PDB file of N, CA and C in Angstrom:
ATOM      1  N   UNK A   1      -3.076  16.992  15.730  1.00  0.00           N
ATOM      2  CA  UNK A   1      -2.131  16.745  14.663  1.00  0.00           C
ATOM      3  C   UNK A   1      -0.803  17.446  14.972  1.00  0.00           C
ATOM      4  N   UNK A   2      -0.894  18.658  15.524  1.00  0.00           N
ATOM      5  CA  UNK A   2       0.334  19.374  15.877  1.00  0.00           C
ATOM      6  C   UNK A   2       1.115  18.626  16.953  1.00  0.00           C
ATOM      7  N   UNK A   3       0.378  18.049  17.908  1.00  0.00           N
ATOM      8  CA  UNK A   3       1.042  17.269  18.959  1.00  0.00           C
ATOM      9  C   UNK A   3       1.752  16.060  18.364  1.00  0.00           C
ATOM     10  N   UNK A   4       1.097  15.406  17.403  1.00  0.00           N
ATOM     11  CA  UNK A   4       1.697  14.244  16.753  1.00  0.00           C
ATOM     12  C   UNK A   4       2.997  14.636  16.052  1.00  0.00           C
ATOM     13  N   UNK A   5       2.962  15.746  15.322  1.00  0.00           N
ATOM     14  CA  UNK A   5       4.160  16.201  14.612  1.00  0.00           C
ATOM     15  C   UNK A   5       5.238  16.608  15.625  1.00  0.00           C
ATOM     16  N   UNK A   6       4.844  17.292  16.672  1.00  0.00           N
ATOM     17  CA  UNK A   6       5.809  17.698  17.695  1.00  0.00           C
ATOM     18  C   UNK A   6       6.469  16.480  18.351  1.00  0.00           C
ATOM     19  N   UNK A   7       5.654  15.491  18.700  1.00  0.00           N
ATOM     20  CA  UNK A   7       6.194  14.273  19.304  1.00  0.00           C
ATOM     21  C   UNK A   7       7.115  13.530  18.348  1.00  0.00           C
ATOM     22  N   UNK A   8       6.741  13.521  17.077  1.00  0.00           N
ATOM     23  CA  UNK A   8       7.569  12.847  16.078  1.00  0.00           C
ATOM     24  C   UNK A   8       8.913  13.551  15.923  1.00  0.00           C
ATOM     25  N   UNK A   9       8.916  14.865  16.009  1.00  0.00           N
ATOM     26  CA  UNK A   9      10.166  15.618  15.901  1.00  0.00           C
ATOM     27  C   UNK A   9      11.108  15.347  17.071  1.00  0.00           C
ATOM     28  N   UNK A  10      10.548  14.926  18.182  1.00  0.00           N
ATOM     29  CA  UNK A  10      11.366  14.633  19.358  1.00  0.00           C
ATOM     30  C   UNK A  10      12.027  13.256  19.280  1.00  0.00           C
ATOM     31  N   UNK A  11      11.565  12.420  18.398  1.00  0.00           N
ATOM     32  CA  UNK A  11      12.080  11.054  18.260  1.00  0.00           C
ATOM     33  C   UNK A  11      13.438  11.058  17.558  1.00  0.00           C
ATOM     34  N   UNK A  12      14.199   9.980  17.739  1.00  0.00           N
ATOM     35  CA  UNK A  12      15.476   9.857  17.016  1.00  0.00           C
ATOM     36  C   UNK A  12      15.252   9.799  15.505  1.00  0.00           C
ATOM     37  N   UNK A  13      16.294  10.130  14.788  1.00  0.00           N
ATOM     38  CA  UNK A  13      16.200  10.211  13.324  1.00  0.00           C
ATOM     39  C   UNK A  13      15.728   8.905  12.695  1.00  0.00           C
ATOM     40  N   UNK A  14      16.222   7.765  13.171  1.00  0.00           N
ATOM     41  CA  UNK A  14      15.834   6.491  12.555  1.00  0.00           C
ATOM     42  C   UNK A  14      14.354   6.180  12.781  1.00  0.00           C
ATOM     43  N   UNK A  15      13.770   6.663  13.877  1.00  0.00           N
ATOM     44  CA  UNK A  15      12.336   6.463  14.093  1.00  0.00           C
ATOM     45  C   UNK A  15      11.523   7.341  13.139  1.00  0.00           C
ATOM     46  N   UNK A  16      11.989   8.560  12.941  1.00  0.00           N
ATOM     47  CA  UNK A  16      11.296   9.457  12.010  1.00  0.00           C
ATOM     48  C   UNK A  16      11.351   8.896  10.596  1.00  0.00           C
ATOM     49  N   UNK A  17      12.494   8.307  10.236  1.00  0.00           N
ATOM     50  CA  UNK A  17      12.615   7.700   8.908  1.00  0.00           C
ATOM     51  C   UNK A  17      11.663   6.518   8.751  1.00  0.00           C
ATOM     52  N   UNK A  18      11.533   5.704   9.795  1.00  0.00           N
ATOM     53  CA  UNK A  18      10.635   4.546   9.734  1.00  0.00           C
ATOM     54  C   UNK A  18       9.191   5.004   9.580  1.00  0.00           C
ATOM     55  N   UNK A  19       8.811   6.034  10.310  1.00  0.00           N
ATOM     56  CA  UNK A  19       7.444   6.558  10.203  1.00  0.00           C
ATOM     57  C   UNK A  19       7.217   7.143   8.821  1.00  0.00           C
ATOM     58  N   UNK A  20       8.200   7.878   8.304  1.00  0.00           N
ATOM     59  CA  UNK A  20       8.072   8.461   6.967  1.00  0.00           C
ATOM     60  C   UNK A  20       7.940   7.373   5.901  1.00  0.00           C
ATOM     61  N   UNK A  21       8.750   6.336   6.013  1.00  0.00           N
ATOM     62  CA  UNK A  21       8.686   5.238   5.046  1.00  0.00           C
ATOM     63  C   UNK A  21       7.336   4.526   5.126  1.00  0.00           C
ATOM     64  N   UNK A  22       6.899   4.218   6.331  1.00  0.00           N
ATOM     65  CA  UNK A  22       5.613   3.548   6.496  1.00  0.00           C
ATOM     66  C   UNK A  22       4.455   4.373   5.961  1.00  0.00           C
ATOM     67  N   UNK A  23       4.494   5.670   6.229  1.00  0.00           N
ATOM     68  CA  UNK A  23       3.439   6.561   5.735  1.00  0.00           C
ATOM     69  C   UNK A  23       3.463   6.629   4.213  1.00  0.00           C
ATOM     70  N   UNK A  24       4.653   6.748   3.637  1.00  0.00           N
ATOM     71  CA  UNK A  24       4.766   6.810   2.176  1.00  0.00           C
ATOM     72  C   UNK A  24       4.275   5.527   1.520  1.00  0.00           C
ATOM     73  N   UNK A  25       4.636   4.389   2.086  1.00  0.00           N
ATOM     74  CA  UNK A  25       4.186   3.104   1.535  1.00  0.00           C
ATOM     75  C   UNK A  25       2.672   2.977   1.662  1.00  0.00           C
ATOM     76  N   UNK A  26       2.111   3.377   2.799  1.00  0.00           N
ATOM     77  CA  UNK A  26       0.668   3.269   3.008  1.00  0.00           C
ATOM     78  C   UNK A  26      -0.099   4.157   2.034  1.00  0.00           C
ATOM     79  N   UNK A  27       0.335   5.402   1.886  1.00  0.00           N
ATOM     80  CA  UNK A  27      -0.358   6.330   0.981  1.00  0.00           C
ATOM     81  C   UNK A  27      -0.218   5.869  -0.464  1.00  0.00           C
ATOM     82  N   UNK A  28       0.977   5.462  -0.841  1.00  0.00           N
ATOM     83  CA  UNK A  28       1.192   4.981  -2.212  1.00  0.00           C
ATOM     84  C   UNK A  28       0.355   3.741  -2.497  1.00  0.00           C
ATOM     85  N   UNK A  29       0.281   2.837  -1.530  1.00  0.00           N
ATOM     86  CA  UNK A  29      -0.520   1.621  -1.700  1.00  0.00           C
ATOM     87  C   UNK A  29      -1.995   1.950  -1.854  1.00  0.00           C
ATOM     88  N   UNK A  30      -2.486   2.881  -1.050  1.00  0.00           N
ATOM     89  CA  UNK A  30      -3.896   3.257  -1.162  1.00  0.00           C
ATOM     90  C   UNK A  30      -4.194   3.900  -2.505  1.00  0.00           C
ATOM     91  N   UNK A  31      -3.314   4.780  -2.965  1.00  0.00           N
ATOM     92  CA  UNK A  31      -3.514   5.418  -4.275  1.00  0.00           C
ATOM     93  C   UNK A  31      -3.492   4.367  -5.381  1.00  0.00           C
ATOM     94  N   UNK A  32      -2.540   3.444  -5.320  1.00  0.00           N
ATOM     95  CA  UNK A  32      -2.450   2.388  -6.330  1.00  0.00           C
ATOM     96  C   UNK A  32      -3.679   1.486  -6.292  1.00  0.00           C
ATOM     97  N   UNK A  33      -4.167   1.169  -5.094  1.00  0.00           N
ATOM     98  CA  UNK A  33      -5.353   0.327  -4.966  1.00  0.00           C
ATOM     99  C   UNK A  33      -6.575   1.012  -5.575  1.00  0.00           C
ATOM    100  N   UNK A  34      -6.760   2.279  -5.255  1.00  0.00           N
ATOM    101  CA  UNK A  34      -7.889   3.023  -5.820  1.00  0.00           C
ATOM    102  C   UNK A  34      -7.760   3.076  -7.338  1.00  0.00           C
ATOM    103  N   UNK A  35      -6.556   3.321  -7.824  1.00  0.00           N
ATOM    104  CA  UNK A  35      -6.343   3.376  -9.263  1.00  0.00           C
ATOM    105  C   UNK A  35      -6.670   2.040  -9.917  1.00  0.00           C
ATOM    106  N   UNK A  36      -6.207   0.936  -9.307  1.00  0.00           N
ATOM    107  CA  UNK A  36      -6.464  -0.387  -9.879  1.00  0.00           C
ATOM    108  C   UNK A  36      -7.954  -0.708  -9.894  1.00  0.00           C
ATOM    109  N   UNK A  37      -8.649  -0.347  -8.832  1.00  0.00           N
ATOM    110  CA  UNK A  37     -10.079  -0.630  -8.761  1.00  0.00           C
ATOM    111  C   UNK A  37     -10.827   0.177  -9.817  1.00  0.00           C
ATOM    112  N   UNK A  38     -10.485   1.453  -9.964  1.00  0.00           N
ATOM    113  CA  UNK A  38     -11.192   2.285 -10.936  1.00  0.00           C
ATOM    114  C   UNK A  38     -10.841   1.903 -12.369  1.00  0.00           C
ATOM    115  N   UNK A  39      -9.587   1.548 -12.630  1.00  0.00           N
ATOM    116  CA  UNK A  39      -9.199   1.189 -14.000  1.00  0.00           C
ATOM    117  C   UNK A  39      -9.794  -0.159 -14.394  1.00  0.00           C
ATOM    118  N   UNK A  40      -9.920  -1.084 -13.446  1.00  0.00           N
ATOM    119  CA  UNK A  40     -10.493  -2.383 -13.791  1.00  0.00           C
ATOM    120  C   UNK A  40     -11.970  -2.239 -14.144  1.00  0.00           C
ATOM    121  N   UNK A  41     -12.651  -1.303 -13.532  1.00  0.00           N
ATOM    122  CA  UNK A  41     -14.061  -1.068 -13.850  1.00  0.00           C
ATOM    123  C   UNK A  41     -14.255  -0.528 -15.252  1.00  0.00           C
ATOM    124  N   UNK A  42     -13.271   0.195 -15.761  1.00  0.00           N
ATOM    125  CA  UNK A  42     -13.380   0.769 -17.107  1.00  0.00           C
ATOM    126  C   UNK A  42     -13.257  -0.297 -18.183  1.00  0.00           C
ATOM    127  N   UNK A  43     -12.545  -1.386 -17.899  1.00  0.00           N
ATOM    128  CA  UNK A  43     -12.330  -2.415 -18.901  1.00  0.00           C
ATOM    129  C   UNK A  43     -13.318  -3.573 -18.795  1.00  0.00           C
ATOM    130  N   UNK A  44     -14.150  -3.581 -17.770  1.00  0.00           N
ATOM    131  CA  UNK A  44     -15.134  -4.642 -17.619  1.00  0.00           C
ATOM    132  C   UNK A  44     -16.180  -4.503 -18.725  1.00  0.00           C
ATOM    133  N   UNK A  45     -16.375  -5.557 -19.464  1.00  0.00           N
ATOM    134  CA  UNK A  45     -17.388  -5.555 -20.516  1.00  0.00           C
ATOM    135  C   UNK A  45     -16.982  -4.799 -21.764  1.00  0.00           C
ATOM    136  N   UNK A  46     -15.720  -4.514 -21.940  1.00  0.00           N
ATOM    137  CA  UNK A  46     -15.239  -3.817 -23.126  1.00  0.00           C
ATOM    138  C   UNK A  46     -15.359  -4.745 -24.323  1.00  0.00           C
ATOM    139  N   UNK A  47     -16.131  -4.346 -25.307  1.00  0.00           N
ATOM    140  CA  UNK A  47     -16.452  -5.244 -26.421  1.00  0.00           C
ATOM    141  C   UNK A  47     -15.306  -5.403 -27.417  1.00  0.00           C
ATOM    142  N   UNK A  48     -14.359  -4.473 -27.440  1.00  0.00           N
ATOM    143  CA  UNK A  48     -13.280  -4.553 -28.414  1.00  0.00           C
ATOM    144  C   UNK A  48     -12.196  -5.545 -28.028  1.00  0.00           C
ATOM    145  N   UNK A  49     -12.253  -6.091 -26.841  1.00  0.00           N
ATOM    146  CA  UNK A  49     -11.229  -7.023 -26.385  1.00  0.00           C
ATOM    147  C   UNK A  49     -11.620  -8.444 -26.758  1.00  0.00           C
ATOM    148  N   UNK A  50     -10.729  -9.187 -27.396  1.00  0.00           N
ATOM    149  CA  UNK A  50     -11.042 -10.581 -27.696  1.00  0.00           C
ATOM    150  C   UNK A  50     -11.234 -11.381 -26.411  1.00  0.00           C
ATOM    151  N   UNK A  51     -12.042 -12.410 -26.483  1.00  0.00           N
ATOM    152  CA  UNK A  51     -12.335 -13.228 -25.305  1.00  0.00           C
ATOM    153  C   UNK A  51     -11.082 -13.884 -24.748  1.00  0.00           C
ATOM    154  N   UNK A  52     -10.111 -14.159 -25.601  1.00  0.00           N
ATOM    155  CA  UNK A  52      -8.901 -14.829 -25.140  1.00  0.00           C
ATOM    156  C   UNK A  52      -7.935 -13.885 -24.424  1.00  0.00           C
ATOM    157  N   UNK A  53      -8.141 -12.587 -24.496  1.00  0.00           N
ATOM    158  CA  UNK A  53      -7.209 -11.637 -23.875  1.00  0.00           C
ATOM    159  C   UNK A  53      -7.197 -11.805 -22.364  1.00  0.00           C
ATOM    160  N   UNK A  54      -8.353 -11.964 -21.752  1.00  0.00           N
ATOM    161  CA  UNK A  54      -8.408 -12.153 -20.304  1.00  0.00           C
ATOM    162  C   UNK A  54      -7.707 -13.424 -19.884  1.00  0.00           C
ATOM    163  N   UNK A  55      -7.871 -14.487 -20.651  1.00  0.00           N
ATOM    164  CA  UNK A  55      -7.218 -15.755 -20.344  1.00  0.00           C
ATOM    165  C   UNK A  55      -5.704 -15.618 -20.468  1.00  0.00           C
ATOM    166  N   UNK A  56      -5.254 -14.929 -21.500  1.00  0.00           N
ATOM    167  CA  UNK A  56      -3.816 -14.731 -21.692  1.00  0.00           C
ATOM    168  C   UNK A  56      -3.215 -13.932 -20.542  1.00  0.00           C
ATOM    169  N   UNK A  57      -3.928 -12.913 -20.081  1.00  0.00           N
ATOM    170  CA  UNK A  57      -3.436 -12.116 -18.951  1.00  0.00           C
ATOM    171  C   UNK A  57      -3.357 -12.953 -17.687  1.00  0.00           C
ATOM    172  N   UNK A  58      -4.369 -13.747 -17.434  1.00  0.00           N
ATOM    173  CA  UNK A  58      -4.370 -14.579 -16.234  1.00  0.00           C
ATOM    174  C   UNK A  58      -3.257 -15.615 -16.277  1.00  0.00           C
ATOM    175  N   UNK A  59      -3.023 -16.180 -17.452  1.00  0.00           N
ATOM    176  CA  UNK A  59      -1.959 -17.173 -17.582  1.00  0.00           C
ATOM    177  C   UNK A  59      -0.590 -16.549 -17.359  1.00  0.00           C
ATOM    178  N   UNK A  60      -0.428 -15.287 -17.744  1.00  0.00           N
ATOM    179  CA  UNK A  60       0.864 -14.617 -17.563  1.00  0.00           C
ATOM    180  C   UNK A  60       1.022 -14.072 -16.150  1.00  0.00           C
ATOM    181  N   UNK A  61      -0.025 -14.169 -15.339  1.00  0.00           N
ATOM    182  CA  UNK A  61       0.045 -13.686 -13.962  1.00  0.00           C
ATOM    183  C   UNK A  61      -0.224 -12.202 -13.839  1.00  0.00           C
ATOM    184  N   UNK A  62      -0.793 -11.581 -14.857  1.00  0.00           N
ATOM    185  CA  UNK A  62      -1.035 -10.149 -14.849  1.00  0.00           C
ATOM    186  C   UNK A  62      -2.499  -9.791 -14.646  1.00  0.00           C
ATOM    187  N   UNK A  63      -3.267 -10.649 -14.019  1.00  0.00           N
ATOM    188  CA  UNK A  63      -4.676 -10.347 -13.826  1.00  0.00           C
ATOM    189  C   UNK A  63      -4.843  -9.256 -12.779  1.00  0.00           C
ATOM    190  N   UNK A  64      -5.918  -8.523 -12.869  1.00  0.00           N
ATOM    191  CA  UNK A  64      -6.204  -7.448 -11.931  1.00  0.00           C
ATOM    192  C   UNK A  64      -6.381  -8.008 -10.529  1.00  0.00           C
ATOM    193  N   UNK A  65      -7.030  -9.154 -10.420  1.00  0.00           N
ATOM    194  CA  UNK A  65      -7.246  -9.769  -9.115  1.00  0.00           C
ATOM    195  C   UNK A  65      -5.925 -10.126  -8.459  1.00  0.00           C
ATOM    196  N   UNK A  66      -5.011 -10.709  -9.215  1.00  0.00           N
ATOM    197  CA  UNK A  66      -3.702 -11.067  -8.662  1.00  0.00           C
ATOM    198  C   UNK A  66      -2.944  -9.808  -8.256  1.00  0.00           C
ATOM    199  N   UNK A  67      -3.033  -8.770  -9.060  1.00  0.00           N
ATOM    200  CA  UNK A  67      -2.371  -7.509  -8.731  1.00  0.00           C
ATOM    201  C   UNK A  67      -2.947  -6.887  -7.476  1.00  0.00           C
ATOM    202  N   UNK A  68      -4.257  -6.935  -7.364  1.00  0.00           N
ATOM    203  CA  UNK A  68      -4.933  -6.389  -6.183  1.00  0.00           C
ATOM    204  C   UNK A  68      -4.524  -7.161  -4.928  1.00  0.00           C
ATOM    205  N   UNK A  69      -4.451  -8.488  -5.029  1.00  0.00           N
ATOM    206  CA  UNK A  69      -4.044  -9.305  -3.878  1.00  0.00           C
ATOM    207  C   UNK A  69      -2.599  -9.016  -3.485  1.00  0.00           C
ATOM    208  N   UNK A  70      -1.714  -8.879  -4.456  1.00  0.00           N
ATOM    209  CA  UNK A  70      -0.313  -8.566  -4.173  1.00  0.00           C
ATOM    210  C   UNK A  70      -0.201  -7.199  -3.513  1.00  0.00           C
ATOM    211  N   UNK A  71      -0.965  -6.238  -3.998  1.00  0.00           N
ATOM    212  CA  UNK A  71      -0.955  -4.903  -3.421  1.00  0.00           C
ATOM    213  C   UNK A  71      -1.461  -4.927  -1.990  1.00  0.00           C
ATOM    214  N   UNK A  72      -2.495  -5.717  -1.738  1.00  0.00           N
ATOM    215  CA  UNK A  72      -3.033  -5.827  -0.387  1.00  0.00           C
ATOM    216  C   UNK A  72      -1.996  -6.453   0.551  1.00  0.00           C
ATOM    217  N   UNK A  73      -1.282  -7.463   0.087  1.00  0.00           N
ATOM    218  CA  UNK A  73      -0.237  -8.076   0.900  1.00  0.00           C
ATOM    219  C   UNK A  73       0.871  -7.072   1.215  1.00  0.00           C
ATOM    220  N   UNK A  74       1.253  -6.294   0.231  1.00  0.00           N
ATOM    221  CA  UNK A  74       2.285  -5.279   0.431  1.00  0.00           C
ATOM    222  C   UNK A  74       1.821  -4.235   1.434  1.00  0.00           C
ATOM    223  N   UNK A  75       0.562  -3.818   1.312  1.00  0.00           N
ATOM    224  CA  UNK A  75       0.006  -2.830   2.227  1.00  0.00           C
ATOM    225  C   UNK A  75      -0.033  -3.369   3.651  1.00  0.00           C
ATOM    226  N   UNK A  76      -0.461  -4.607   3.820  1.00  0.00           N
ATOM    227  CA  UNK A  76      -0.524  -5.205   5.154  1.00  0.00           C
ATOM    228  C   UNK A  76       0.874  -5.325   5.764  1.00  0.00           C
ATOM    229  N   UNK A  77       1.857  -5.688   4.956  1.00  0.00           N
ATOM    230  CA  UNK A  77       3.233  -5.786   5.433  1.00  0.00           C
ATOM    231  C   UNK A  77       3.750  -4.421   5.866  1.00  0.00           C
ATOM    232  N   UNK A  78       3.475  -3.400   5.075  1.00  0.00           N
ATOM    233  CA  UNK A  78       3.910  -2.043   5.423  1.00  0.00           C
ATOM    234  C   UNK A  78       3.229  -1.569   6.693  1.00  0.00           C
ATOM    235  N   UNK A  79       1.936  -1.878   6.834  1.00  0.00           N
ATOM    236  CA  UNK A  79       1.214  -1.475   8.033  1.00  0.00           C
ATOM    237  C   UNK A  79       1.814  -2.152   9.271  1.00  0.00           C
ATOM    238  N   UNK A  80       2.159  -3.436   9.160  1.00  0.00           N
ATOM    239  CA  UNK A  80       2.755  -4.159  10.281  1.00  0.00           C
ATOM    240  C   UNK A  80       4.105  -3.551  10.661  1.00  0.00           C
ATOM    241  N   UNK A  81       4.911  -3.199   9.668  1.00  0.00           N
ATOM    242  CA  UNK A  81       6.201  -2.572   9.947  1.00  0.00           C
ATOM    243  C   UNK A  81       6.013  -1.214  10.606  1.00  0.00           C
ATOM    244  N   UNK A  82       5.044  -0.457  10.144  1.00  0.00           N
ATOM    245  CA  UNK A  82       4.759   0.853  10.716  1.00  0.00           C
ATOM    246  C   UNK A  82       4.314   0.722  12.172  1.00  0.00           C
ATOM    247  N   UNK A  83       3.443  -0.246  12.448  1.00  0.00           N
ATOM    248  CA  UNK A  83       2.969  -0.456  13.817  1.00  0.00           C
ATOM    249  C   UNK A  83       4.109  -0.907  14.723  1.00  0.00           C
ATOM    250  N   UNK A  84       5.004  -1.748  14.207  1.00  0.00           N
ATOM    251  CA  UNK A  84       6.162  -2.175  14.994  1.00  0.00           C
ATOM    252  C   UNK A  84       7.066  -0.991  15.311  1.00  0.00           C
ATOM    253  N   UNK A  85       7.250  -0.100  14.346  1.00  0.00           N
ATOM    254  CA  UNK A  85       8.072   1.079  14.577  1.00  0.00           C
ATOM    255  C   UNK A  85       7.434   1.982  15.635  1.00  0.00           C
ATOM    256  N   UNK A  86       6.109   2.123  15.585  1.00  0.00           N
ATOM    257  CA  UNK A  86       5.423   2.934  16.580  1.00  0.00           C
ATOM    258  C   UNK A  86       5.533   2.317  17.964  1.00  0.00           C
ATOM    259  N   UNK A  87       5.363   0.996  18.049  1.00  0.00           N
ATOM    260  CA  UNK A  87       5.472   0.328  19.343  1.00  0.00           C
ATOM    261  C   UNK A  87       6.898   0.448  19.894  1.00  0.00           C
ATOM    262  N   UNK A  88       7.882   0.295  19.033  1.00  0.00           N
ATOM    263  CA  UNK A  88       9.263   0.421  19.460  1.00  0.00           C
ATOM    264  C   UNK A  88       9.559   1.825  19.966  1.00  0.00           C
ATOM    265  N   UNK A  89       9.003   2.824  19.282  1.00  0.00           N
ATOM    266  CA  UNK A  89       9.213   4.214  19.700  1.00  0.00           C
ATOM    267  C   UNK A  89       8.502   4.475  21.021  1.00  0.00           C
ATOM    268  N   UNK A  90       7.330   3.898  21.202  1.00  0.00           N
ATOM    269  CA  UNK A  90       6.583   4.099  22.432  1.00  0.00           C
ATOM    270  C   UNK A  90       7.290   3.443  23.623  1.00  0.00           C
ATOM    271  N   UNK A  91       7.889   2.272  23.407  1.00  0.00           N
ATOM    272  CA  UNK A  91       8.593   1.575  24.473  1.00  0.00           C
ATOM    273  C   UNK A  91       9.881   2.310  24.847  1.00  0.00           C
ATOM    274  N   UNK A  92      10.529   2.933  23.888  1.00  0.00           N
ATOM    275  CA  UNK A  92      11.758   3.661  24.182  1.00  0.00           C
ATOM    276  C   UNK A  92      11.469   4.940  24.946  1.00  0.00           C
ATOM    277  N   UNK A  93      10.312   5.557  24.698  1.00  0.00           N
ATOM    278  CA  UNK A  93       9.999   6.801  25.390  1.00  0.00           C
ATOM    279  C   UNK A  93       9.532   6.551  26.816  1.00  0.00           C
ATOM    280  N   UNK A  94       9.132   5.299  27.121  1.00  0.00           N
ATOM    281  CA  UNK A  94       8.689   4.977  28.501  1.00  0.00           C
ATOM    282  C   UNK A  94       9.853   4.775  29.366  1.00  0.00           C
TER     283      UNK A  94
END
């Protein structure tokens, strides 16, 4: 881990920023995903919710499944950008 940090410190500022952004997006996405999964489990089978509430949410585009899919797409996009930044940094150091 120390070697990774040392190598990162040797990179140009814009590469360090790209790595920082990618890491922040990845960690934030994982935290949000875990939160969404755990919160959706709490509302499953909740008897106080009218049957039409789930339908209304889905019609408005606010379903948990749609949110989870959007989050996964965002995470995959961030991961691809992070990998591109790493490859670009590796090619410049060669």
